[in-house]
Amino acid sequence: MAFQQGLSGLNATSKNLSIIGNNIANANTYGAKASRAEFADMYANAINGAGGSPIGIGVNLASVTQRFTQGNITTTESGLDLAINGNGFFMLDAGNGSRVYSRNGQLQLNEAGFIVNSAGQKLLGLAQGNTNGTDPVPVRLPTGGIQPQQTTSIEMEMNLDSRVGPPATTPFDFTDSTSYNNATSTTVYDSNGREISLALYYVNVAPNVWDVYATANGTDFNAGAPIVDDLTMLSDGSGIDTGVSALLNSFAIPAIPLGNGNSTEPIANIDLDLTGATQYGSPFGVTNLNPDGYAYGTLIGVNIDKNGIIKATYSNGESQEAGQLLLANFRNPQGLQPLGGNGWAETYASGNPLRTKPGEGNAGLLQSGALEESNVDLTAELVSMITAQRSYQANAQSIKTEDQVLQTLVNLR
């Protein structure tokens, strides 16, 4: 009697319902991928005689495959959350030399400064200063501060008013505003990162000719002499007359008392770049005043751009690259082995991982402050559940019918 077919149908449909239930259970799991059951019919013999019409003996579950299609991307409030828009997997160090591959970008910093997932597995990428390599290591952010940098140059763009003449009072005295035409200020830093307020004063000494004086923390450190002597502008106002101007390209700031028994460290050389200066018949204005150097800063945030470059930002306004993330691609993602915990392991069927920087080759781009949702289509899964339920009922009915036929035969006596 044909109980075999109905029984195999019940087993296969039961497994299909388990797969559908698992999909529905993970509809809200970030980075999860839906699975589907693939069935195959069964026959008692593989080779049939000519013109034979064999009757199948049922169905079996041939395989369970996952659909690695893109899930929707939703924004979050965490800057360490990452979504992959396109192909690829995050690489994670699971310990003991093993690696896990995941699409779930729910990440955080651990106490040692490593970027990890909720299971404590470390995110892999390229270390700071080695972003041209391909050998991934656990990404570790600098948990300490950024060391101060002494100012060595100042870049300026400004317009000097060609309509003005020499100031009413001479010689220059920074305490007397009638002894200079205009002034501006900026902050420079010594080797310990201590701030020094640098004021620059512009004095017209003749048509198209200017002197530039400076003070540091209110101290005339250059003994009343200009740090730029006879800066000569072109008569059309378009820039500096380099053939005439006696531009002093650098100056030094000695140790400046701080008023508490301490003093700043001397700065031996600061290059002053005035090549962006103009002299037109319009008011004085500074459009760019950009000294380098900065004070000591503590880590306040981390940002990861679409190409996986990690930038650490500090309390002093500076930022530094701290490495770059890598993605892994596989020739056959269907061959990956699900491990649970939103992770997969490579297998012989999947092939070796191809490590790629985000945005290169067929690797997708990253989106910071976002997560990839599950690609489970809840509506489709519910419809599939109804279909599987009907299939289960039909297979059960075939067994019931066979039982009734068998009972009729038993009663023939």
Protein backbone atom coordinates (compact mmCIF):
# COMPACT_ATOMS: atom_id res chain seq x y z
CA MET A 1 0.00 0.00 0.00
CA ALA A 2 1.12 3.58 -0.69
CA PHE A 3 1.72 4.81 2.83
CA GLN A 4 5.32 5.73 1.87
CA GLN A 5 4.33 8.63 -0.35
CA GLY A 6 2.08 10.24 2.21
CA LEU A 7 4.56 9.71 5.02
CA SER A 8 7.38 11.31 3.03
CA GLY A 9 5.07 14.21 2.22
CA LEU A 10 4.32 14.71 5.90
CA ASN A 11 8.01 14.68 6.81
CA ALA A 12 8.97 17.07 4.01
CA THR A 13 6.12 19.46 4.71
CA SER A 14 6.90 19.44 8.42
CA LYS A 15 10.47 20.46 7.66
CA ASN A 16 9.20 23.14 5.29
CA LEU A 17 7.01 24.53 8.06
CA SER A 18 10.03 24.58 10.37
CA ILE A 19 12.00 26.58 7.77
CA ILE A 20 9.12 29.01 7.29
CA GLY A 21 8.78 29.36 11.07
CA ASN A 22 12.49 30.10 11.38
CA ASN A 23 12.20 32.78 8.69
CA ILE A 24 9.28 34.40 10.47
CA ALA A 25 11.09 34.24 13.82
CA ASN A 26 14.03 36.14 12.27
CA ALA A 27 11.98 38.73 10.42
CA ASN A 28 13.36 41.40 12.79
CA THR A 29 16.90 40.02 13.09
CA TYR A 30 19.39 42.45 11.57
CA GLY A 31 21.53 40.86 8.87
CA ALA A 32 19.49 37.63 8.80
CA LYS A 33 18.87 35.92 5.46
CA ALA A 34 15.74 33.95 4.61
CA SER A 35 15.99 30.23 3.83
CA ARG A 36 13.88 28.07 1.59
CA ALA A 37 13.27 24.34 1.27
CA GLU A 38 14.15 22.64 -2.00
CA PHE A 39 12.46 19.27 -2.58
CA ALA A 40 13.20 16.32 -4.85
CA ASP A 41 11.00 13.44 -5.90
CA MET A 42 11.99 9.81 -5.15
CA TYR A 43 11.76 6.64 -7.24
CA ALA A 44 12.49 3.07 -6.32
CA ASN A 45 14.82 2.46 -9.26
CA ALA A 46 17.08 4.74 -11.23
CA ILE A 47 16.88 2.95 -14.61
CA ASN A 48 13.55 1.92 -16.08
CA GLY A 49 12.76 -0.37 -18.91
CA ALA A 50 11.69 0.98 -22.28
CA GLY A 51 8.30 2.57 -22.06
CA GLY A 52 8.18 2.05 -18.30
CA SER A 53 6.04 4.33 -16.20
CA PRO A 54 7.40 4.03 -12.68
CA ILE A 55 5.40 5.31 -9.74
CA GLY A 56 7.26 7.61 -7.39
CA ILE A 57 7.67 6.71 -3.76
CA GLY A 58 7.42 10.23 -2.37
CA VAL A 59 9.47 13.33 -1.76
CA ASN A 60 12.51 14.26 0.25
CA LEU A 61 14.12 17.52 1.36
CA ALA A 62 17.01 17.93 -1.08
CA SER A 63 18.53 21.02 0.52
CA VAL A 64 17.92 24.16 2.52
CA THR A 65 19.30 27.20 0.74
CA GLN A 66 19.60 30.81 1.89
CA ARG A 67 18.74 33.87 -0.17
CA PHE A 68 21.57 36.40 0.11
CA THR A 69 19.57 39.27 -1.31
CA GLN A 70 19.89 42.81 -0.01
CA GLY A 71 17.78 43.70 3.00
CA ASN A 72 16.35 47.15 3.63
CA ILE A 73 18.69 49.61 5.34
CA THR A 74 17.40 51.51 8.35
CA THR A 75 19.15 54.33 10.19
CA THR A 76 20.01 54.17 13.87
CA GLU A 77 21.42 56.49 16.52
CA SER A 78 24.74 54.66 16.94
CA GLY A 79 27.73 55.78 14.88
CA LEU A 80 29.28 52.32 15.20
CA ASP A 81 26.30 50.60 13.57
CA LEU A 82 27.21 49.61 10.02
CA ALA A 83 25.20 48.37 7.04
CA ILE A 84 26.63 46.85 3.86
CA ASN A 85 24.89 48.22 0.79
CA GLY A 86 25.83 45.58 -1.78
CA ASN A 87 27.89 42.41 -1.72
CA GLY A 88 30.21 41.28 1.03
CA PHE A 89 30.41 40.15 4.63
CA PHE A 90 31.99 41.62 7.73
CA MET A 91 34.96 39.55 8.91
CA LEU A 92 35.10 38.75 12.62
CA ASP A 93 37.75 37.06 14.73
CA ALA A 94 36.02 34.33 16.74
CA GLY A 95 39.19 33.32 18.60
CA ASN A 96 41.50 30.33 18.18
CA GLY A 97 42.32 31.49 14.67
CA SER A 98 38.78 30.96 13.35
CA ARG A 99 36.78 33.58 11.48
CA VAL A 100 33.10 34.29 11.26
CA TYR A 101 31.39 36.18 8.44
CA SER A 102 28.33 38.30 9.11
CA ARG A 103 25.98 40.89 7.63
CA ASN A 104 24.93 42.15 11.06
CA GLY A 105 26.64 45.48 11.76
CA GLN A 106 25.52 45.99 15.37
CA LEU A 107 28.95 46.89 16.75
CA GLN A 108 30.42 48.44 19.87
CA LEU A 109 33.74 49.20 21.57
CA ASN A 110 35.02 46.89 24.28
CA GLU A 111 37.17 47.94 27.21
CA ALA A 112 40.39 47.39 25.25
CA GLY A 113 39.33 49.60 22.33
CA PHE A 114 38.46 46.78 19.88
CA ILE A 115 35.34 47.00 17.72
CA VAL A 116 33.27 43.90 18.57
CA ASN A 117 29.80 42.48 18.04
CA SER A 118 27.43 41.38 20.80
CA ALA A 119 29.23 38.01 21.03
CA GLY A 120 32.58 39.73 21.64
CA GLN A 121 33.97 38.76 18.24
CA LYS A 122 36.46 41.34 16.96
CA LEU A 123 35.91 43.14 13.68
CA LEU A 124 38.77 42.66 11.21
CA GLY A 125 40.35 45.24 8.95
CA LEU A 126 43.62 46.97 8.17
CA ALA A 127 45.64 48.53 10.96
CA GLN A 128 46.48 52.21 11.12
CA GLY A 129 49.32 52.98 8.73
CA ASN A 130 48.81 49.73 6.78
CA THR A 131 45.77 50.60 4.66
CA ASN A 132 47.54 49.47 1.50
CA GLY A 133 47.75 45.88 2.73
CA THR A 134 45.30 42.99 2.58
CA ASP A 135 46.14 41.04 5.75
CA PRO A 136 43.26 41.66 8.19
CA VAL A 137 43.83 42.16 11.91
CA PRO A 138 41.43 43.05 14.73
CA VAL A 139 40.59 46.75 14.47
CA ARG A 140 41.60 48.60 17.60
CA LEU A 141 40.89 52.26 18.16
CA PRO A 142 43.32 54.46 20.06
CA THR A 143 41.75 54.77 23.50
CA GLY A 144 44.27 57.36 24.67
CA GLY A 145 44.55 60.97 23.57
CA ILE A 146 46.22 62.50 20.55
CA GLN A 147 49.61 64.02 21.27
CA PRO A 148 49.98 67.80 20.80
CA GLN A 149 51.68 69.19 17.72
CA GLN A 150 53.71 72.38 17.65
CA THR A 151 52.73 75.07 15.15
CA THR A 152 55.19 75.29 12.28
CA SER A 153 53.29 77.26 9.63
CA ILE A 154 50.47 79.75 9.17
CA GLU A 155 48.62 80.06 5.87
CA MET A 156 46.79 83.33 5.26
CA GLU A 157 44.47 84.77 2.66
CA MET A 158 43.42 88.39 3.13
CA ASN A 159 42.71 91.67 1.41
CA LEU A 160 44.55 94.84 2.42
CA ASP A 161 42.57 98.02 1.72
CA SER A 162 44.38 99.99 -1.01
CA ARG A 163 42.47 103.15 -0.08
CA VAL A 164 44.16 103.68 3.28
CA GLY A 165 47.42 105.43 4.07
CA PRO A 166 49.94 105.24 6.92
CA PRO A 167 48.38 105.35 10.42
CA ALA A 168 48.16 108.60 12.34
CA THR A 169 50.66 107.55 15.02
CA THR A 170 54.21 106.28 14.66
CA PRO A 171 56.12 104.22 15.63
CA PHE A 172 54.04 101.05 15.97
CA ASP A 173 52.63 100.38 19.44
CA PHE A 174 50.24 97.46 19.74
CA THR A 175 48.55 99.17 22.72
CA ASP A 176 47.66 102.17 20.53
CA SER A 177 45.11 101.41 17.83
CA THR A 178 46.05 104.59 15.98
CA SER A 179 49.51 103.18 15.21
CA TYR A 180 48.30 100.41 12.91
CA ASN A 181 45.69 100.05 10.20
CA ASN A 182 44.23 96.61 10.93
CA ALA A 183 44.73 93.61 13.20
CA THR A 184 43.71 89.99 13.43
CA SER A 185 44.54 87.12 15.75
CA THR A 186 44.85 83.36 15.85
CA THR A 187 46.03 80.61 18.19
CA VAL A 188 49.34 78.78 17.86
CA TYR A 189 50.71 75.94 20.01
CA ASP A 190 54.07 75.16 21.57
CA SER A 191 55.54 71.67 21.76
CA ASN A 192 53.51 70.92 24.91
CA GLY A 193 50.27 71.91 23.23
CA ARG A 194 49.91 75.10 25.26
CA GLU A 195 47.94 77.82 23.52
CA ILE A 196 49.60 81.07 22.53
CA SER A 197 47.43 83.94 21.33
CA LEU A 198 49.21 85.40 18.30
CA ALA A 199 48.03 88.85 17.17
CA LEU A 200 49.07 90.22 13.77
CA TYR A 201 49.05 93.95 13.01
CA TYR A 202 49.17 95.49 9.52
CA VAL A 203 50.77 98.90 9.04
CA ASN A 204 50.76 100.77 5.74
CA VAL A 205 54.17 102.49 5.37
CA ALA A 206 53.89 103.71 1.76
CA PRO A 207 51.66 103.19 -1.26
CA ASN A 208 51.45 99.42 -1.88
CA VAL A 209 53.92 98.72 0.97
CA TRP A 210 53.04 97.15 4.34
CA ASP A 211 54.76 96.00 7.51
CA VAL A 212 53.39 93.15 9.65
CA TYR A 213 53.99 93.16 13.42
CA ALA A 214 53.10 90.48 15.95
CA THR A 215 52.55 89.94 19.67
CA ALA A 216 52.21 86.68 21.60
CA ASN A 217 49.96 86.63 24.67
CA GLY A 218 50.12 90.43 24.66
CA THR A 219 53.95 90.47 24.57
CA ASP A 220 55.89 92.26 21.82
CA PHE A 221 58.38 89.40 21.41
CA ASN A 222 60.17 90.93 18.38
CA ALA A 223 61.40 94.05 20.20
CA GLY A 224 59.21 96.41 18.21
CA ALA A 225 60.44 95.20 14.83
CA PRO A 226 58.09 93.82 12.16
CA ILE A 227 58.06 90.11 11.44
CA VAL A 228 57.39 90.99 7.79
CA ASP A 229 59.23 94.06 6.54
CA ASP A 230 58.18 95.99 3.43
CA LEU A 231 55.57 93.63 2.08
CA THR A 232 55.12 95.12 -1.39
CA MET A 233 51.88 94.58 -3.28
CA LEU A 234 51.35 94.76 -7.02
CA SER A 235 49.83 98.05 -8.15
CA ASP A 236 46.80 96.25 -9.60
CA GLY A 237 46.15 94.71 -6.17
CA SER A 238 46.22 91.11 -7.43
CA GLY A 239 49.00 89.88 -5.14
CA ILE A 240 52.52 90.32 -3.79
CA ASP A 241 55.28 91.84 -5.92
CA THR A 242 57.84 89.11 -5.31
CA GLY A 243 60.48 91.00 -7.24
CA VAL A 244 60.43 93.92 -4.79
CA SER A 245 58.97 92.62 -1.55
CA ALA A 246 61.31 91.79 1.31
CA LEU A 247 58.97 89.13 2.64
CA LEU A 248 60.27 87.42 5.77
CA ASN A 249 59.10 83.82 5.39
CA SER A 250 59.57 82.77 8.99
CA PHE A 251 59.77 84.05 12.54
CA ALA A 252 60.39 82.68 16.02
CA ILE A 253 58.47 83.07 19.27
CA PRO A 254 60.56 82.90 22.45
CA ALA A 255 59.31 81.50 25.75
CA ILE A 256 56.37 83.63 26.92
CA PRO A 257 55.65 83.93 30.67
CA LEU A 258 52.25 82.59 31.68
CA GLY A 259 51.98 84.60 34.89
CA ASN A 260 52.06 81.58 37.24
CA GLY A 261 55.80 80.99 37.32
CA ASN A 262 55.63 78.89 34.14
CA SER A 263 56.22 79.85 30.57
CA THR A 264 55.51 78.47 27.13
CA GLU A 265 58.12 76.51 25.23
CA PRO A 266 59.97 78.57 22.59
CA ILE A 267 58.94 78.00 18.98
CA ALA A 268 62.07 78.21 16.86
CA ASN A 269 60.45 78.63 13.45
CA ILE A 270 56.99 79.44 12.08
CA ASP A 271 56.58 79.85 8.34
CA LEU A 272 54.13 82.63 7.46
CA ASP A 273 52.59 82.11 4.04
CA LEU A 274 51.15 85.40 2.73
CA THR A 275 51.02 84.43 -0.93
CA GLY A 276 47.23 84.63 -0.80
CA ALA A 277 47.27 88.34 0.10
CA THR A 278 45.63 90.90 -2.21
CA GLN A 279 45.24 94.70 -2.11
CA TYR A 280 42.03 95.96 -3.61
CA GLY A 281 39.94 99.03 -2.93
CA SER A 282 37.66 97.26 -0.48
CA PRO A 283 37.69 96.87 3.32
CA PHE A 284 40.29 94.77 5.07
CA GLY A 285 39.21 91.18 5.49
CA VAL A 286 40.75 87.81 6.26
CA THR A 287 39.26 84.91 4.32
CA ASN A 288 41.62 82.21 5.58
CA LEU A 289 43.85 82.08 8.64
CA ASN A 290 45.01 78.52 9.09
CA PRO A 291 47.86 77.68 11.46
CA ASP A 292 48.82 74.06 11.92
CA GLY A 293 49.44 72.49 15.31
CA TYR A 294 46.98 71.59 18.03
CA ALA A 295 46.68 70.92 21.74
CA TYR A 296 46.37 67.54 23.43
CA GLY A 297 42.98 65.94 22.78
CA THR A 298 40.99 63.02 24.18
CA LEU A 299 38.97 60.58 22.07
CA ILE A 300 35.32 61.67 21.81
CA GLY A 301 33.98 59.76 18.82
CA VAL A 302 34.53 57.39 15.92
CA ASN A 303 33.27 57.67 12.37
CA ILE A 304 33.47 55.07 9.59
CA ASP A 305 32.97 56.32 6.04
CA LYS A 306 31.46 54.47 3.08
CA ASN A 307 34.85 53.05 2.08
CA GLY A 308 35.48 51.61 5.54
CA ILE A 309 38.05 54.22 6.62
CA ILE A 310 37.88 54.62 10.39
CA LYS A 311 38.41 58.14 11.71
CA ALA A 312 38.82 58.92 15.37
CA THR A 313 37.79 62.42 16.43
CA TYR A 314 39.27 64.20 19.44
CA SER A 315 38.26 66.96 21.81
CA ASN A 316 40.72 69.39 20.18
CA GLY A 317 38.85 69.21 16.87
CA GLU A 318 41.42 66.97 15.19
CA SER A 319 40.75 63.60 13.59
CA GLN A 320 43.05 60.75 12.62
CA GLU A 321 42.64 57.66 10.50
CA ALA A 322 42.69 54.58 12.71
CA GLY A 323 42.52 51.88 10.04
CA GLN A 324 40.18 50.57 7.36
CA LEU A 325 37.62 47.79 7.35
CA LEU A 326 37.72 44.93 4.84
CA LEU A 327 34.84 42.92 3.41
CA ALA A 328 34.88 39.29 2.33
CA ASN A 329 33.21 38.00 -0.82
CA PHE A 330 32.64 34.38 -1.81
CA ARG A 331 32.23 32.77 -5.20
CA ASN A 332 29.36 30.69 -3.81
CA PRO A 333 27.71 32.29 -0.75
CA GLN A 334 25.16 29.45 -0.76
CA GLY A 335 27.98 27.17 0.34
CA LEU A 336 28.54 29.06 3.60
CA GLN A 337 27.73 27.15 6.78
CA PRO A 338 25.26 28.94 9.12
CA LEU A 339 26.64 29.11 12.66
CA GLY A 340 23.88 30.99 14.41
CA GLY A 341 24.43 34.32 16.06
CA ASN A 342 24.11 36.02 12.64
CA GLY A 343 27.31 34.38 11.43
CA TRP A 344 28.52 32.00 8.74
CA ALA A 345 31.67 29.97 8.28
CA GLU A 346 33.48 29.32 5.03
CA THR A 347 33.42 25.81 3.60
CA TYR A 348 34.92 23.98 0.65
CA ALA A 349 31.68 24.65 -1.25
CA SER A 350 31.76 28.40 -0.62
CA GLY A 351 35.38 28.78 -1.70
CA ASN A 352 38.01 30.93 -0.06
CA PRO A 353 37.08 34.48 0.93
CA LEU A 354 38.17 37.30 -1.35
CA ARG A 355 39.18 40.18 0.91
CA THR A 356 38.30 43.57 -0.58
CA LYS A 357 38.05 47.16 0.57
CA PRO A 358 34.46 48.47 0.55
CA GLY A 359 33.57 49.96 -2.82
CA GLU A 360 36.29 48.09 -4.73
CA GLY A 361 35.51 45.34 -7.22
CA ASN A 362 32.08 43.87 -6.50
CA ALA A 363 32.19 44.76 -2.80
CA GLY A 364 29.41 46.98 -1.49
CA LEU A 365 29.75 50.29 0.30
CA LEU A 366 29.27 50.86 4.01
CA GLN A 367 26.70 53.11 5.61
CA SER A 368 27.51 54.31 9.09
CA GLY A 369 24.74 54.78 11.63
CA ALA A 370 22.56 52.23 9.84
CA LEU A 371 21.74 48.52 9.89
CA GLU A 372 20.62 46.04 7.26
CA GLU A 373 17.26 44.52 8.10
CA SER A 374 16.37 40.88 7.51
CA ASN A 375 15.43 40.12 3.91
CA VAL A 376 12.49 37.98 5.09
CA ASP A 377 9.29 38.93 3.25
CA LEU A 378 6.79 38.38 6.04
CA THR A 379 3.77 38.46 3.72
CA ALA A 380 5.26 35.85 1.40
CA GLU A 381 6.20 33.65 4.35
CA LEU A 382 2.65 33.72 5.72
CA VAL A 383 1.26 32.73 2.32
CA SER A 384 3.85 29.94 2.12
CA MET A 385 2.77 28.78 5.56
CA ILE A 386 -0.83 28.47 4.40
CA THR A 387 0.28 26.51 1.34
CA ALA A 388 2.47 24.21 3.46
CA GLN A 389 -0.40 23.65 5.88
CA ARG A 390 -2.70 22.62 3.05
CA SER A 391 0.00 20.30 1.72
CA TYR A 392 0.37 18.70 5.14
CA GLN A 393 -3.38 18.18 5.39
CA ALA A 394 -3.49 16.66 1.90
CA ASN A 395 -0.67 14.21 2.68
CA ALA A 396 -2.39 13.25 5.93
CA GLN A 397 -5.59 12.70 3.97
CA SER A 398 -3.78 10.39 1.51
CA ILE A 399 -2.60 8.26 4.46
CA LYS A 400 -6.12 8.24 5.86
CA THR A 401 -7.50 7.12 2.49
CA GLU A 402 -4.93 4.34 2.20
CA ASP A 403 -5.88 3.22 5.68
CA GLN A 404 -9.54 3.06 4.71
CA VAL A 405 -8.70 1.03 1.57
CA LEU A 406 -6.59 -1.35 3.64
CA GLN A 407 -9.40 -1.73 6.16
CA THR A 408 -11.80 -2.59 3.36
CA LEU A 409 -9.44 -5.32 2.13
CA VAL A 410 -9.05 -6.73 5.62
CA ASN A 411 -12.84 -6.93 5.92
CA LEU A 412 -13.22 -9.02 2.69
CA ARG A 413 -13.76 -12.49 4.20
